[in-house]
Amino acid sequence: MYYGTRTVCVRFSAASVAEGNEVMRLQHKALTIKCLQLLRAVIYNEIVRLPDDWKDNVRSHQSLVDHC
């Protein structure tokens, strides 16, 4: 009889852990998406700051390109 009660507790505990893992997975996914969006915005801002002709005349704009 004790074994049966223990099995129920283990199953209940495993279900709780599975639900907790799913919540953590979804939170991690949302955080990853936010981080990638932030990185994309930073890269975009750096590109916008470069002069229009930076690809054509890289040597004259080398200091701007090096810090990126």
Protein backbone atom coordinates (compact mmCIF):
# COMPACT_ATOMS: atom_id res chain seq x y z
CA MET A 1 0.00 0.00 0.00
CA TYR A 2 2.83 2.41 0.81
CA TYR A 3 4.40 1.65 -2.55
CA GLY A 4 1.19 2.70 -4.33
CA THR A 5 1.09 6.04 -2.53
CA ARG A 6 4.72 6.64 -3.34
CA THR A 7 4.10 5.92 -7.02
CA VAL A 8 1.28 8.47 -7.10
CA CYS A 9 3.55 11.08 -5.46
CA VAL A 10 6.34 10.37 -7.94
CA ARG A 11 3.96 10.66 -10.90
CA PHE A 12 2.50 13.89 -9.55
CA SER A 13 5.99 15.26 -8.96
CA ALA A 14 7.11 14.28 -12.47
CA ALA A 15 4.08 16.03 -13.96
CA SER A 16 4.89 19.18 -11.98
CA VAL A 17 8.49 19.09 -13.17
CA ALA A 18 7.37 18.60 -16.76
CA GLU A 19 5.03 21.60 -16.50
CA GLY A 20 7.80 23.63 -14.87
CA ASN A 21 10.23 22.65 -17.62
CA GLU A 22 7.72 23.70 -20.26
CA VAL A 23 7.26 27.10 -18.60
CA MET A 24 11.03 27.54 -18.37
CA ARG A 25 11.45 26.49 -22.01
CA LEU A 26 8.88 29.04 -23.15
CA GLN A 27 10.47 31.77 -21.01
CA HIS A 28 13.90 30.90 -22.42
CA LYS A 29 12.53 31.02 -25.97
CA ALA A 30 10.97 34.45 -25.35
CA LEU A 31 14.24 35.72 -23.86
CA THR A 32 16.22 34.38 -26.82
CA ILE A 33 13.88 36.15 -29.25
CA LYS A 34 14.23 39.44 -27.34
CA CYS A 35 18.02 39.12 -27.32
CA LEU A 36 18.12 38.48 -31.07
CA GLN A 37 15.84 41.46 -31.69
CA LEU A 38 18.12 43.65 -29.60
CA LEU A 39 21.20 42.40 -31.45
CA ARG A 40 19.51 43.08 -34.79
CA ALA A 41 18.69 46.64 -33.66
CA VAL A 42 22.28 47.28 -32.53
CA ILE A 43 23.68 46.02 -35.84
CA TYR A 44 21.17 48.09 -37.79
CA ASN A 45 22.10 51.22 -35.82
CA GLU A 46 25.78 50.64 -36.56
CA ILE A 47 25.05 50.21 -40.28
CA VAL A 48 22.98 53.40 -40.35
CA ARG A 49 25.84 55.34 -38.75
CA LEU A 50 28.25 54.40 -41.56
CA PRO A 51 28.58 56.80 -44.50
CA ASP A 52 26.82 55.80 -47.72
CA ASP A 53 30.08 55.26 -49.59
CA TRP A 54 31.87 53.21 -46.94
CA LYS A 55 31.99 50.12 -49.19
CA ASP A 56 33.43 52.06 -52.12
CA ASN A 57 36.12 53.83 -50.14
CA VAL A 58 36.90 51.55 -47.21
CA ARG A 59 40.39 52.95 -46.53
CA SER A 60 39.14 56.45 -45.80
CA HIS A 61 36.47 55.09 -43.44
CA GLN A 62 38.62 52.34 -41.90
CA SER A 63 38.37 53.76 -38.36
CA LEU A 64 34.56 53.64 -38.57
CA VAL A 65 34.58 50.05 -39.80
CA ASP A 66 37.20 48.79 -37.29
CA HIS A 67 35.21 49.58 -34.15
CA CYS A 68 32.09 47.69 -35.31
